[in-house]
Amino acid sequence: MQIHPTAIVDPGAELAEDVKIGPYVIINKDVSIGAGTEIMAHAHIDSYTKIGRGCTVYPSASLGTAPQDVTYAGENTELIIGHNVTIREFVTVNRGTLKGGGVTRVGDGCYLMTYAHVGHDCQIGRNVTLVNNLAMAGHVIVEDEAILSGLVAVHQHVRIGTHAYIGGVSRVTKDVPPYMLGQGVTDFKLYGPNTIGLKRKGFPRETIAALRGAFHLVFRTNRLLAETLEDALIKFPDVPEVKNMVEFIKSSKRGVTR
């Protein structure tokens, strides 16, 4: 274990043997850090934070501090960060609140870029990318493989589907269906499937074509949404991604971006 002499590590913290702790790092009690993880200079890891194996926390990141919620009264809630997560400079991630389930989670393989903020009770899936200066309010769900670009603001309780792509300088106030691309400052809109991203992830042409057809069938019509969703299932019965998109829209509580 390599701990710089200027670092302050509470005796109640649990660190794997090969963890590296840089200059002026502060690690409070009830923190757990997994094997192969490096915490760089001036980072602050607050109590009730668990960081997995193989993570890198860059200088001046702040993890596990109290939620920015006026009803929070000092309860012992948690922040859980998975394995192989990269957290760049000045990223802030707050732990959860009791009313939100008590846990903020960041899944395996995520990449949080400089100045990104993840609010209390957010649930971030695997391999999610959060780009510079993103601001995410509390209770947001981001499913696996999604990408949220720079200067994006996400309203509380929004859900963003798997493999979705949010363009830069966007304001997201409703759910974003999986596999879709959306962008907009004052009028956030869907523009169809995240074609480039899906190709990079190895999705077959037939699947992308089916998603494009389902998108037009569901959203490019004046018919009732409930009707077009059923039509999409009938037209593309053997495409799991279309079924996933339809089920996501049906289960939306905030309503979906159109």
C-alpha atoms as a PDB file:
ATOM      1  CA  MET A   1       0.000   0.000   0.000  1.00  0.00           C
ATOM      2  CA  GLN A   2       1.345   3.411  -1.014  1.00  0.00           C
ATOM      3  CA  ILE A   3       0.029   6.302   1.099  1.00  0.00           C
ATOM      4  CA  HIS A   4       1.645   9.700   0.683  1.00  0.00           C
ATOM      5  CA  PRO A   5       2.739  11.167   4.028  1.00  0.00           C
ATOM      6  CA  THR A   6       0.533  14.235   3.540  1.00  0.00           C
ATOM      7  CA  ALA A   7      -2.622  12.165   3.046  1.00  0.00           C
ATOM      8  CA  ILE A   8      -5.131  11.857   5.911  1.00  0.00           C
ATOM      9  CA  VAL A   9      -6.642   8.368   6.113  1.00  0.00           C
ATOM     10  CA  ASP A  10      -8.983   7.524   8.968  1.00  0.00           C
ATOM     11  CA  PRO A  11      -8.071   4.285  10.777  1.00  0.00           C
ATOM     12  CA  GLY A  12     -11.629   3.124  10.186  1.00  0.00           C
ATOM     13  CA  ALA A  13     -11.170   3.053   6.408  1.00  0.00           C
ATOM     14  CA  GLU A  14     -10.592  -0.308   4.684  1.00  0.00           C
ATOM     15  CA  LEU A  15      -8.005  -0.181   1.917  1.00  0.00           C
ATOM     16  CA  ALA A  16      -6.767  -3.101  -0.183  1.00  0.00           C
ATOM     17  CA  GLU A  17      -3.029  -3.806   0.081  1.00  0.00           C
ATOM     18  CA  ASP A  18      -2.087  -2.346  -3.326  1.00  0.00           C
ATOM     19  CA  VAL A  19      -4.173   0.847  -3.175  1.00  0.00           C
ATOM     20  CA  LYS A  20      -2.293   4.072  -3.986  1.00  0.00           C
ATOM     21  CA  ILE A  21      -3.146   7.264  -2.114  1.00  0.00           C
ATOM     22  CA  GLY A  22      -1.676  10.545  -3.388  1.00  0.00           C
ATOM     23  CA  PRO A  23      -0.706  13.800  -1.676  1.00  0.00           C
ATOM     24  CA  TYR A  24      -3.241  15.646   0.488  1.00  0.00           C
ATOM     25  CA  VAL A  25      -5.986  13.072  -0.066  1.00  0.00           C
ATOM     26  CA  ILE A  26      -8.614  12.863   2.698  1.00  0.00           C
ATOM     27  CA  ILE A  27     -10.324   9.533   3.346  1.00  0.00           C
ATOM     28  CA  ASN A  28     -12.852   9.399   6.177  1.00  0.00           C
ATOM     29  CA  LYS A  29     -14.062   6.492   8.283  1.00  0.00           C
ATOM     30  CA  ASP A  30     -16.264   3.722   6.895  1.00  0.00           C
ATOM     31  CA  VAL A  31     -14.722   3.985   3.435  1.00  0.00           C
ATOM     32  CA  SER A  32     -13.851   0.830   1.473  1.00  0.00           C
ATOM     33  CA  ILE A  33     -11.436   0.897  -1.497  1.00  0.00           C
ATOM     34  CA  GLY A  34     -10.743  -2.164  -3.640  1.00  0.00           C
ATOM     35  CA  ALA A  35      -7.551  -3.629  -5.043  1.00  0.00           C
ATOM     36  CA  GLY A  36      -5.609  -1.766  -7.719  1.00  0.00           C
ATOM     37  CA  THR A  37      -7.430   1.532  -7.180  1.00  0.00           C
ATOM     38  CA  GLU A  38      -5.526   4.824  -7.190  1.00  0.00           C
ATOM     39  CA  ILE A  39      -6.716   8.006  -5.461  1.00  0.00           C
ATOM     40  CA  MET A  40      -4.790  11.038  -6.751  1.00  0.00           C
ATOM     41  CA  ALA A  41      -3.861  14.305  -5.048  1.00  0.00           C
ATOM     42  CA  HIS A  42      -6.406  16.372  -3.109  1.00  0.00           C
ATOM     43  CA  ALA A  43      -9.294  13.956  -3.680  1.00  0.00           C
ATOM     44  CA  HIS A  44     -11.861  13.719  -0.865  1.00  0.00           C
ATOM     45  CA  ILE A  45     -13.580  10.400  -0.084  1.00  0.00           C
ATOM     46  CA  ASP A  46     -16.262  10.843   2.559  1.00  0.00           C
ATOM     47  CA  SER A  47     -17.749   8.267   4.907  1.00  0.00           C
ATOM     48  CA  TYR A  48     -19.992   5.408   3.741  1.00  0.00           C
ATOM     49  CA  THR A  49     -18.362   5.262   0.304  1.00  0.00           C
ATOM     50  CA  LYS A  50     -17.367   1.977  -1.350  1.00  0.00           C
ATOM     51  CA  ILE A  51     -15.028   2.036  -4.350  1.00  0.00           C
ATOM     52  CA  GLY A  52     -14.369  -1.150  -6.300  1.00  0.00           C
ATOM     53  CA  ARG A  53     -11.275  -2.663  -7.885  1.00  0.00           C
ATOM     54  CA  GLY A  54      -9.146  -1.041 -10.570  1.00  0.00           C
ATOM     55  CA  CYS A  55     -10.619   2.452 -10.289  1.00  0.00           C
ATOM     56  CA  THR A  56      -8.779   5.735 -10.835  1.00  0.00           C
ATOM     57  CA  VAL A  57      -9.866   8.874  -9.000  1.00  0.00           C
ATOM     58  CA  TYR A  58      -8.178  11.982 -10.367  1.00  0.00           C
ATOM     59  CA  PRO A  59      -7.147  15.107  -8.408  1.00  0.00           C
ATOM     60  CA  SER A  60      -9.746  17.124  -6.504  1.00  0.00           C
ATOM     61  CA  ALA A  61     -12.652  14.745  -7.031  1.00  0.00           C
ATOM     62  CA  SER A  62     -15.202  14.650  -4.207  1.00  0.00           C
ATOM     63  CA  LEU A  63     -17.021  11.376  -3.552  1.00  0.00           C
ATOM     64  CA  GLY A  64     -19.652  10.383  -1.031  1.00  0.00           C
ATOM     65  CA  THR A  65     -20.373  13.753   0.522  1.00  0.00           C
ATOM     66  CA  ALA A  66     -23.818  14.443   1.970  1.00  0.00           C
ATOM     67  CA  PRO A  67     -26.715  14.769  -0.493  1.00  0.00           C
ATOM     68  CA  GLN A  68     -27.749  18.234  -1.614  1.00  0.00           C
ATOM     69  CA  ASP A  69     -31.244  17.780  -0.221  1.00  0.00           C
ATOM     70  CA  VAL A  70     -32.737  20.104   2.406  1.00  0.00           C
ATOM     71  CA  THR A  71     -34.575  17.186   4.031  1.00  0.00           C
ATOM     72  CA  TYR A  72     -31.365  15.246   4.666  1.00  0.00           C
ATOM     73  CA  ALA A  73     -30.769  14.962   8.413  1.00  0.00           C
ATOM     74  CA  GLY A  74     -27.422  13.187   8.654  1.00  0.00           C
ATOM     75  CA  GLU A  75     -28.562   9.597   8.036  1.00  0.00           C
ATOM     76  CA  ASN A  76     -25.919   6.973   7.196  1.00  0.00           C
ATOM     77  CA  THR A  77     -26.603   6.586   3.498  1.00  0.00           C
ATOM     78  CA  GLU A  78     -24.142   5.231   0.911  1.00  0.00           C
ATOM     79  CA  LEU A  79     -22.277   5.768  -2.337  1.00  0.00           C
ATOM     80  CA  ILE A  80     -21.274   2.562  -4.125  1.00  0.00           C
ATOM     81  CA  ILE A  81     -18.859   2.757  -7.070  1.00  0.00           C
ATOM     82  CA  GLY A  82     -18.178  -0.354  -9.140  1.00  0.00           C
ATOM     83  CA  HIS A  83     -14.986  -1.761 -10.635  1.00  0.00           C
ATOM     84  CA  ASN A  84     -12.750  -0.159 -13.285  1.00  0.00           C
ATOM     85  CA  VAL A  85     -14.402   3.241 -12.992  1.00  0.00           C
ATOM     86  CA  THR A  86     -12.531   6.383 -14.059  1.00  0.00           C
ATOM     87  CA  ILE A  87     -13.395   9.587 -12.203  1.00  0.00           C
ATOM     88  CA  ARG A  88     -11.689  12.697 -13.546  1.00  0.00           C
ATOM     89  CA  GLU A  89     -10.790  16.014 -11.954  1.00  0.00           C
ATOM     90  CA  PHE A  90     -13.385  17.897  -9.859  1.00  0.00           C
ATOM     91  CA  VAL A  91     -16.116  15.284 -10.321  1.00  0.00           C
ATOM     92  CA  THR A  92     -18.660  15.300  -7.469  1.00  0.00           C
ATOM     93  CA  VAL A  93     -20.882  12.356  -6.531  1.00  0.00           C
ATOM     94  CA  ASN A  94     -23.207  12.565  -3.510  1.00  0.00           C
ATOM     95  CA  ARG A  95     -24.452   9.636  -1.478  1.00  0.00           C
ATOM     96  CA  GLY A  96     -28.149   8.765  -1.250  1.00  0.00           C
ATOM     97  CA  THR A  97     -31.099   9.768   0.917  1.00  0.00           C
ATOM     98  CA  LEU A  98     -33.391   7.503   2.912  1.00  0.00           C
ATOM     99  CA  LYS A  99     -36.427   8.537   0.867  1.00  0.00           C
ATOM    100  CA  GLY A 100     -34.545   7.651  -2.329  1.00  0.00           C
ATOM    101  CA  GLY A 101     -33.440   4.205  -1.198  1.00  0.00           C
ATOM    102  CA  GLY A 102     -30.308   5.287   0.643  1.00  0.00           C
ATOM    103  CA  VAL A 103     -27.771   4.483  -2.077  1.00  0.00           C
ATOM    104  CA  THR A 104     -26.203   6.287  -5.030  1.00  0.00           C
ATOM    105  CA  ARG A 105     -24.597   3.816  -7.463  1.00  0.00           C
ATOM    106  CA  VAL A 106     -22.071   4.102 -10.277  1.00  0.00           C
ATOM    107  CA  GLY A 107     -21.690   0.869 -12.255  1.00  0.00           C
ATOM    108  CA  ASP A 108     -18.624  -0.957 -13.539  1.00  0.00           C
ATOM    109  CA  GLY A 109     -16.587   0.583 -16.332  1.00  0.00           C
ATOM    110  CA  CYS A 110     -18.072   4.080 -16.155  1.00  0.00           C
ATOM    111  CA  TYR A 111     -16.113   7.161 -17.213  1.00  0.00           C
ATOM    112  CA  LEU A 112     -16.974  10.411 -15.428  1.00  0.00           C
ATOM    113  CA  MET A 113     -15.224  13.379 -17.027  1.00  0.00           C
ATOM    114  CA  THR A 114     -14.082  16.653 -15.466  1.00  0.00           C
ATOM    115  CA  TYR A 115     -16.651  18.610 -13.405  1.00  0.00           C
ATOM    116  CA  ALA A 116     -19.452  16.082 -13.934  1.00  0.00           C
ATOM    117  CA  HIS A 117     -21.920  16.000 -11.026  1.00  0.00           C
ATOM    118  CA  VAL A 118     -24.028  12.988 -10.008  1.00  0.00           C
ATOM    119  CA  GLY A 119     -26.732  13.842  -7.490  1.00  0.00           C
ATOM    120  CA  HIS A 120     -28.128  11.808  -4.620  1.00  0.00           C
ATOM    121  CA  ASP A 121     -29.855   8.473  -5.249  1.00  0.00           C
ATOM    122  CA  CYS A 122     -28.821   8.332  -8.914  1.00  0.00           C
ATOM    123  CA  GLN A 123     -28.423   4.846 -10.364  1.00  0.00           C
ATOM    124  CA  ILE A 124     -25.786   4.764 -13.112  1.00  0.00           C
ATOM    125  CA  GLY A 125     -25.436   1.525 -15.077  1.00  0.00           C
ATOM    126  CA  ARG A 126     -22.366  -0.149 -16.588  1.00  0.00           C
ATOM    127  CA  ASN A 127     -20.033   1.535 -19.097  1.00  0.00           C
ATOM    128  CA  VAL A 128     -21.820   4.872 -18.963  1.00  0.00           C
ATOM    129  CA  THR A 129     -19.935   7.985 -20.101  1.00  0.00           C
ATOM    130  CA  LEU A 130     -20.694  11.327 -18.459  1.00  0.00           C
ATOM    131  CA  VAL A 131     -18.909  14.138 -20.302  1.00  0.00           C
ATOM    132  CA  ASN A 132     -17.457  17.375 -18.910  1.00  0.00           C
ATOM    133  CA  ASN A 133     -19.687  19.741 -16.909  1.00  0.00           C
ATOM    134  CA  LEU A 134     -22.717  17.469 -16.901  1.00  0.00           C
ATOM    135  CA  ALA A 135     -25.169  18.252 -14.093  1.00  0.00           C
ATOM    136  CA  MET A 136     -27.421  15.417 -12.944  1.00  0.00           C
ATOM    137  CA  ALA A 137     -30.095  16.025 -10.323  1.00  0.00           C
ATOM    138  CA  GLY A 138     -31.191  13.427  -7.782  1.00  0.00           C
ATOM    139  CA  HIS A 139     -32.980  10.132  -8.443  1.00  0.00           C
ATOM    140  CA  VAL A 140     -31.867   9.888 -12.095  1.00  0.00           C
ATOM    141  CA  ILE A 141     -31.512   6.419 -13.673  1.00  0.00           C
ATOM    142  CA  VAL A 142     -29.029   5.962 -16.524  1.00  0.00           C
ATOM    143  CA  GLU A 143     -29.003   2.501 -18.051  1.00  0.00           C
ATOM    144  CA  ASP A 144     -25.963   0.610 -19.381  1.00  0.00           C
ATOM    145  CA  GLU A 145     -23.794   1.992 -22.206  1.00  0.00           C
ATOM    146  CA  ALA A 146     -25.500   5.399 -22.414  1.00  0.00           C
ATOM    147  CA  ILE A 147     -23.486   8.529 -23.261  1.00  0.00           C
ATOM    148  CA  LEU A 148     -24.384  11.974 -21.921  1.00  0.00           C
ATOM    149  CA  SER A 149     -22.419  14.761 -23.582  1.00  0.00           C
ATOM    150  CA  GLY A 150     -20.937  17.939 -22.154  1.00  0.00           C
ATOM    151  CA  LEU A 151     -22.992  20.675 -20.487  1.00  0.00           C
ATOM    152  CA  VAL A 152     -26.070  18.443 -20.265  1.00  0.00           C
ATOM    153  CA  ALA A 153     -28.555  19.115 -17.450  1.00  0.00           C
ATOM    154  CA  VAL A 154     -30.750  16.187 -16.363  1.00  0.00           C
ATOM    155  CA  HIS A 155     -33.911  16.811 -14.329  1.00  0.00           C
ATOM    156  CA  GLN A 156     -34.573  14.748 -11.217  1.00  0.00           C
ATOM    157  CA  HIS A 157     -36.350  11.388 -11.614  1.00  0.00           C
ATOM    158  CA  VAL A 158     -35.531  11.189 -15.342  1.00  0.00           C
ATOM    159  CA  ARG A 159     -34.642   7.788 -16.803  1.00  0.00           C
ATOM    160  CA  ILE A 160     -32.259   7.406 -19.743  1.00  0.00           C
ATOM    161  CA  GLY A 161     -32.351   4.114 -21.627  1.00  0.00           C
ATOM    162  CA  THR A 162     -29.537   1.783 -22.545  1.00  0.00           C
ATOM    163  CA  HIS A 163     -27.284   2.856 -25.449  1.00  0.00           C
ATOM    164  CA  ALA A 164     -29.002   6.255 -25.632  1.00  0.00           C
ATOM    165  CA  TYR A 165     -26.938   9.268 -26.675  1.00  0.00           C
ATOM    166  CA  ILE A 166     -27.635  12.780 -25.351  1.00  0.00           C
ATOM    167  CA  GLY A 167     -26.100  15.566 -27.453  1.00  0.00           C
ATOM    168  CA  GLY A 168     -24.209  18.440 -25.862  1.00  0.00           C
ATOM    169  CA  VAL A 169     -25.758  21.491 -24.197  1.00  0.00           C
ATOM    170  CA  SER A 170     -29.091  19.711 -23.698  1.00  0.00           C
ATOM    171  CA  ARG A 171     -31.801  20.051 -21.045  1.00  0.00           C
ATOM    172  CA  VAL A 172     -33.416  16.673 -20.358  1.00  0.00           C
ATOM    173  CA  THR A 173     -36.720  16.798 -18.469  1.00  0.00           C
ATOM    174  CA  LYS A 174     -38.429  13.595 -19.653  1.00  0.00           C
ATOM    175  CA  ASP A 175     -37.353   9.986 -20.110  1.00  0.00           C
ATOM    176  CA  VAL A 176     -35.177   9.143 -23.119  1.00  0.00           C
ATOM    177  CA  PRO A 177     -35.956   5.744 -24.711  1.00  0.00           C
ATOM    178  CA  PRO A 178     -33.155   3.220 -25.163  1.00  0.00           C
ATOM    179  CA  TYR A 179     -31.016   3.226 -28.332  1.00  0.00           C
ATOM    180  CA  MET A 180     -32.181   6.734 -29.270  1.00  0.00           C
ATOM    181  CA  LEU A 181     -30.316   9.980 -29.946  1.00  0.00           C
ATOM    182  CA  GLY A 182     -31.630  13.238 -28.535  1.00  0.00           C
ATOM    183  CA  GLN A 183     -30.494  16.850 -28.324  1.00  0.00           C
ATOM    184  CA  GLY A 184     -31.888  20.278 -27.510  1.00  0.00           C
ATOM    185  CA  VAL A 185     -31.456  23.215 -25.163  1.00  0.00           C
ATOM    186  CA  THR A 186     -34.982  24.603 -24.833  1.00  0.00           C
ATOM    187  CA  ASP A 187     -36.767  21.957 -26.900  1.00  0.00           C
ATOM    188  CA  PHE A 188     -35.173  18.540 -26.402  1.00  0.00           C
ATOM    189  CA  LYS A 189     -36.127  16.147 -29.212  1.00  0.00           C
ATOM    190  CA  LEU A 190     -35.448  12.622 -30.373  1.00  0.00           C
ATOM    191  CA  TYR A 191     -33.847  12.282 -33.797  1.00  0.00           C
ATOM    192  CA  GLY A 192     -33.979   8.524 -34.214  1.00  0.00           C
ATOM    193  CA  PRO A 193     -31.680   5.654 -33.267  1.00  0.00           C
ATOM    194  CA  ASN A 194     -28.138   6.286 -32.066  1.00  0.00           C
ATOM    195  CA  THR A 195     -26.898   4.782 -35.315  1.00  0.00           C
ATOM    196  CA  ILE A 196     -23.185   5.504 -35.002  1.00  0.00           C
ATOM    197  CA  GLY A 197     -23.036   4.369 -31.400  1.00  0.00           C
ATOM    198  CA  LEU A 198     -24.948   1.177 -32.138  1.00  0.00           C
ATOM    199  CA  LYS A 199     -22.644   0.349 -35.063  1.00  0.00           C
ATOM    200  CA  ARG A 200     -19.598   0.866 -32.847  1.00  0.00           C
ATOM    201  CA  LYS A 201     -21.089  -1.518 -30.306  1.00  0.00           C
ATOM    202  CA  GLY A 202     -21.551  -4.188 -32.973  1.00  0.00           C
ATOM    203  CA  PHE A 203     -25.325  -4.101 -33.400  1.00  0.00           C
ATOM    204  CA  PRO A 204     -26.369  -5.800 -36.677  1.00  0.00           C
ATOM    205  CA  ARG A 205     -27.710  -3.661 -39.520  1.00  0.00           C
ATOM    206  CA  GLU A 206     -31.021  -5.468 -39.290  1.00  0.00           C
ATOM    207  CA  THR A 207     -31.440  -4.470 -35.641  1.00  0.00           C
ATOM    208  CA  ILE A 208     -30.617  -0.827 -36.348  1.00  0.00           C
ATOM    209  CA  ALA A 209     -33.032  -0.826 -39.285  1.00  0.00           C
ATOM    210  CA  ALA A 210     -35.762  -2.294 -37.072  1.00  0.00           C
ATOM    211  CA  LEU A 211     -35.170   0.364 -34.431  1.00  0.00           C
ATOM    212  CA  ARG A 212     -35.358   3.058 -37.094  1.00  0.00           C
ATOM    213  CA  GLY A 213     -38.614   1.614 -38.375  1.00  0.00           C
ATOM    214  CA  ALA A 214     -40.037   1.359 -34.859  1.00  0.00           C
ATOM    215  CA  PHE A 215     -39.025   4.945 -34.119  1.00  0.00           C
ATOM    216  CA  HIS A 216     -40.896   6.261 -37.158  1.00  0.00           C
ATOM    217  CA  LEU A 217     -43.874   4.050 -36.431  1.00  0.00           C
ATOM    218  CA  VAL A 218     -44.128   5.177 -32.793  1.00  0.00           C
ATOM    219  CA  PHE A 219     -43.144   8.844 -32.955  1.00  0.00           C
ATOM    220  CA  ARG A 220     -43.758  10.067 -36.517  1.00  0.00           C
ATOM    221  CA  THR A 221     -47.515   9.744 -36.409  1.00  0.00           C
ATOM    222  CA  ASN A 222     -50.574  11.518 -35.056  1.00  0.00           C
ATOM    223  CA  ARG A 223     -52.062   8.315 -33.672  1.00  0.00           C
ATOM    224  CA  LEU A 224     -52.304   7.410 -30.000  1.00  0.00           C
ATOM    225  CA  LEU A 225     -49.023   6.265 -28.489  1.00  0.00           C
ATOM    226  CA  ALA A 226     -50.586   3.111 -27.045  1.00  0.00           C
ATOM    227  CA  GLU A 227     -51.665   2.062 -30.537  1.00  0.00           C
ATOM    228  CA  THR A 228     -48.321   2.728 -32.214  1.00  0.00           C
ATOM    229  CA  LEU A 229     -46.440   0.814 -29.520  1.00  0.00           C
ATOM    230  CA  GLU A 230     -48.522  -2.282 -30.179  1.00  0.00           C
ATOM    231  CA  ASP A 231     -47.993  -1.827 -33.916  1.00  0.00           C
ATOM    232  CA  ALA A 232     -44.223  -1.775 -33.371  1.00  0.00           C
ATOM    233  CA  LEU A 233     -44.387  -5.091 -31.527  1.00  0.00           C
ATOM    234  CA  ILE A 234     -46.469  -6.614 -34.308  1.00  0.00           C
ATOM    235  CA  LYS A 235     -44.202  -5.382 -37.100  1.00  0.00           C
ATOM    236  CA  PHE A 236     -40.926  -6.301 -35.358  1.00  0.00           C
ATOM    237  CA  PRO A 237     -41.867  -9.321 -33.214  1.00  0.00           C
ATOM    238  CA  ASP A 238     -38.423 -10.925 -33.212  1.00  0.00           C
ATOM    239  CA  VAL A 239     -36.277  -7.902 -32.332  1.00  0.00           C
ATOM    240  CA  PRO A 240     -35.521  -7.787 -28.575  1.00  0.00           C
ATOM    241  CA  GLU A 241     -34.328  -4.194 -28.807  1.00  0.00           C
ATOM    242  CA  VAL A 242     -37.688  -3.031 -30.164  1.00  0.00           C
ATOM    243  CA  LYS A 243     -39.460  -4.889 -27.365  1.00  0.00           C
ATOM    244  CA  ASN A 244     -37.140  -3.254 -24.834  1.00  0.00           C
ATOM    245  CA  MET A 245     -37.871   0.193 -26.270  1.00  0.00           C
ATOM    246  CA  VAL A 246     -41.618  -0.396 -26.164  1.00  0.00           C
ATOM    247  CA  GLU A 247     -41.553  -1.688 -22.575  1.00  0.00           C
ATOM    248  CA  PHE A 248     -39.410   1.289 -21.516  1.00  0.00           C
ATOM    249  CA  ILE A 249     -41.945   3.738 -22.956  1.00  0.00           C
ATOM    250  CA  LYS A 250     -44.886   1.892 -21.399  1.00  0.00           C
ATOM    251  CA  SER A 251     -43.262   1.965 -17.964  1.00  0.00           C
ATOM    252  CA  SER A 252     -42.327   5.652 -18.066  1.00  0.00           C
ATOM    253  CA  LYS A 253     -43.660   7.705 -15.143  1.00  0.00           C
ATOM    254  CA  ARG A 254     -42.449  11.122 -16.281  1.00  0.00           C
ATOM    255  CA  GLY A 255     -43.427  10.638 -19.901  1.00  0.00           C
ATOM    256  CA  VAL A 256     -40.969  10.175 -22.755  1.00  0.00           C
ATOM    257  CA  THR A 257     -39.289  12.652 -25.015  1.00  0.00           C
ATOM    258  CA  ARG A 258     -41.042  12.742 -28.395  1.00  0.00           C
END
